[in-house]
Amino acid sequence: MNGPSEELRTEVERRIDSLERELAEADQRLPDISAWVGEIEEDVVRLVTRVLEECRRDVESDGRLTPDRTALDRDGALGVYAAVQAWAALASYVVARVYAPRSPWHHGLATAATKVVAVLGSIAIVLAGPLRPTAAALGAQSSTIGTQFPSAPLTVSLTFAG
């Protein structure tokens, strides 16, 4: 697993910057932009779905993570853990830029975020696969991936005995 490419990270950052500018401009010009904010949220869903697709491709391309895999060594496990964290960070970046702290929710569209949360859940499921053997290889007692929308969209952790 390699984590998100620099190209994907740049693409995501540019698209979020553009959406943020569009929202700010519309907010200044229009008295009720709720329908338009819905379009922005669909763009956000598409962007987070793109992250999901690339994440899934990255996980599937790592032969060490197939069902017939051999155990990861410590360096391999640390690399996979870094990649898992990087994917979670990229998805979290998208959500944080759109929903916190400058949120379109003041337009009454808090419930529209359910599609974004569903995609975050899918990313968590994909990342849980490689996190399990990583936790075992590093001697962690447990691993978790959670969603806490929007404050900490995706969190990844390993727990070690003290």
Protein backbone atom coordinates (compact mmCIF):
# COMPACT_ATOMS: atom_id res chain seq x y z
CA MET A 1 0.00 0.00 0.00
CA ASN A 2 1.34 3.40 -0.92
CA GLY A 3 -1.28 5.83 0.29
CA PRO A 4 -2.68 8.62 -1.89
CA SER A 5 -0.53 9.85 -4.76
CA GLU A 6 0.72 13.40 -4.84
CA GLU A 7 -1.38 13.94 -7.96
CA LEU A 8 -4.57 12.87 -6.18
CA ARG A 9 -3.75 15.00 -3.15
CA THR A 10 -3.19 18.02 -5.38
CA GLU A 11 -6.39 17.33 -7.33
CA VAL A 12 -8.39 17.10 -4.10
CA GLU A 13 -6.89 20.30 -2.71
CA ARG A 14 -7.59 22.24 -5.91
CA ARG A 15 -11.18 21.03 -6.13
CA ILE A 16 -11.90 21.83 -2.48
CA ASP A 17 -10.32 25.29 -2.88
CA SER A 18 -12.58 25.87 -5.89
CA LEU A 19 -15.72 24.68 -4.08
CA GLU A 20 -14.90 26.86 -1.09
CA ARG A 21 -14.51 29.93 -3.33
CA GLU A 22 -17.76 29.15 -5.16
CA LEU A 23 -19.65 28.82 -1.89
CA ALA A 24 -18.23 32.08 -0.52
CA GLU A 25 -19.07 33.97 -3.72
CA ALA A 26 -22.61 32.59 -3.89
CA ASP A 27 -23.19 33.30 -0.22
CA GLN A 28 -22.43 36.97 -0.83
CA ARG A 29 -24.64 37.28 -3.93
CA LEU A 30 -27.72 35.20 -3.31
CA PRO A 31 -30.27 35.40 -0.48
CA ASP A 32 -31.14 31.69 -0.60
CA ILE A 33 -28.53 29.37 -2.02
CA SER A 34 -29.80 26.15 -0.45
CA ALA A 35 -30.36 24.43 -3.81
CA TRP A 36 -26.95 25.50 -4.98
CA VAL A 37 -25.31 24.27 -1.77
CA GLY A 38 -26.91 20.91 -2.50
CA GLU A 39 -25.01 20.88 -5.80
CA ILE A 40 -21.79 21.63 -3.94
CA GLU A 41 -22.48 18.74 -1.59
CA GLU A 42 -22.96 16.45 -4.59
CA ASP A 43 -19.53 17.60 -5.78
CA VAL A 44 -18.17 16.75 -2.34
CA VAL A 45 -19.76 13.29 -2.53
CA ARG A 46 -18.14 12.76 -5.94
CA LEU A 47 -14.77 13.90 -4.60
CA VAL A 48 -14.90 11.68 -1.51
CA THR A 49 -16.06 8.80 -3.74
CA ARG A 50 -12.99 9.38 -5.92
CA VAL A 51 -10.84 9.10 -2.79
CA LEU A 52 -12.69 5.85 -1.91
CA GLU A 53 -12.08 4.38 -5.38
CA GLU A 54 -8.37 5.21 -5.33
CA CYS A 55 -8.06 3.93 -1.77
CA ARG A 56 -9.73 0.65 -2.72
CA ARG A 57 -7.39 0.32 -5.72
CA ASP A 58 -4.36 0.92 -3.50
CA VAL A 59 -5.46 -1.71 -0.97
CA GLU A 60 -6.28 -4.26 -3.67
CA SER A 61 -2.94 -3.74 -5.42
CA ASP A 62 -0.90 -4.71 -2.35
CA GLY A 63 -0.22 -8.42 -2.59
CA ARG A 64 0.79 -8.54 1.07
CA LEU A 65 -2.84 -7.84 1.99
CA THR A 66 -4.52 -10.67 0.07
CA PRO A 67 -6.30 -13.48 1.97
CA ASP A 68 -3.36 -15.87 1.35
CA ARG A 69 -0.82 -13.29 2.55
CA THR A 70 2.12 -14.03 4.72
CA ALA A 71 2.55 -11.98 7.88
CA LEU A 72 3.82 -8.45 7.44
CA ASP A 73 7.21 -7.65 8.92
CA ARG A 74 7.56 -4.60 11.19
CA ASP A 75 8.75 -2.24 8.44
CA GLY A 76 6.02 -3.41 6.08
CA ALA A 77 3.41 -2.99 8.80
CA LEU A 78 4.61 0.53 9.58
CA GLY A 79 4.38 1.38 5.88
CA VAL A 80 0.84 0.03 5.63
CA TYR A 81 -0.13 1.90 8.80
CA ALA A 82 1.25 5.14 7.33
CA ALA A 83 -0.70 4.53 4.11
CA VAL A 84 -3.93 3.84 6.04
CA GLN A 85 -3.43 7.05 8.02
CA ALA A 86 -2.72 8.99 4.81
CA TRP A 87 -5.96 7.78 3.19
CA ALA A 88 -7.94 8.65 6.31
CA ALA A 89 -6.28 12.07 6.41
CA LEU A 90 -7.12 12.82 2.78
CA ALA A 91 -10.80 11.92 3.21
CA SER A 92 -10.88 13.89 6.47
CA TYR A 93 -9.33 16.89 4.75
CA VAL A 94 -12.18 17.02 2.23
CA VAL A 95 -14.85 16.82 4.92
CA ALA A 96 -13.17 19.26 7.28
CA ARG A 97 -12.72 21.87 4.56
CA VAL A 98 -16.40 21.71 3.60
CA TYR A 99 -18.16 21.17 6.91
CA ALA A 100 -15.91 22.52 9.67
CA PRO A 101 -15.37 25.22 10.69
CA ARG A 102 -16.88 27.05 7.70
CA SER A 103 -19.95 25.06 7.12
CA PRO A 104 -22.80 25.35 4.62
CA TRP A 105 -25.05 24.19 7.46
CA HIS A 106 -26.13 27.74 8.12
CA HIS A 107 -28.24 27.26 4.99
CA GLY A 108 -30.26 24.53 6.70
CA LEU A 109 -28.72 21.57 4.90
CA ALA A 110 -27.21 19.57 7.74
CA THR A 111 -29.04 16.42 6.69
CA ALA A 112 -27.60 16.54 3.17
CA ALA A 113 -24.30 15.35 4.63
CA THR A 114 -25.63 11.80 5.01
CA LYS A 115 -24.25 10.83 1.60
CA VAL A 116 -20.79 12.05 2.56
CA VAL A 117 -20.94 10.16 5.85
CA ALA A 118 -21.92 6.99 3.96
CA VAL A 119 -18.86 7.28 1.72
CA LEU A 120 -16.67 7.86 4.79
CA GLY A 121 -18.11 4.63 6.20
CA SER A 122 -17.13 2.82 3.00
CA ILE A 123 -13.58 4.18 3.25
CA ALA A 124 -13.42 2.99 6.87
CA ILE A 125 -14.50 -0.50 5.79
CA VAL A 126 -11.85 -0.62 3.05
CA LEU A 127 -9.13 0.57 5.43
CA ALA A 128 -10.13 -1.85 8.19
CA GLY A 129 -8.90 -4.72 6.00
CA PRO A 130 -5.22 -3.75 5.91
CA LEU A 131 -5.31 -2.35 9.43
CA ARG A 132 -6.00 -5.78 10.99
CA PRO A 133 -2.80 -7.53 9.81
CA THR A 134 -0.89 -4.32 10.48
CA ALA A 135 -2.04 -4.29 14.10
CA ALA A 136 -1.06 -7.95 14.49
CA ALA A 137 2.37 -7.40 12.96
CA LEU A 138 3.06 -4.47 15.28
CA GLY A 139 1.83 -6.28 18.39
CA ALA A 140 -1.17 -4.02 18.93
CA GLN A 141 -4.00 -5.41 21.01
CA SER A 142 -6.63 -3.82 18.81
CA SER A 143 -7.20 -1.48 15.91
CA THR A 144 -10.07 0.87 15.18
CA ILE A 145 -11.26 3.12 12.43
CA GLY A 146 -14.07 5.44 13.35
CA THR A 147 -16.08 8.27 11.91
CA GLN A 148 -16.93 11.33 13.96
CA PHE A 149 -18.53 13.67 11.47
CA PRO A 150 -17.50 16.48 11.05
CA SER A 151 -14.99 17.12 13.86
CA ALA A 152 -12.73 14.13 13.15
CA PRO A 153 -14.14 12.59 9.96
CA LEU A 154 -11.96 9.45 9.99
CA THR A 155 -9.81 8.40 12.91
CA VAL A 156 -7.43 5.45 12.86
CA SER A 157 -5.83 4.01 15.96
CA LEU A 158 -3.88 1.09 17.28
CA THR A 159 -4.01 0.15 20.97
CA PHE A 160 -1.00 -1.33 22.71
CA ALA A 161 -0.85 -2.92 26.18
CA GLY A 162 0.95 -0.77 28.73
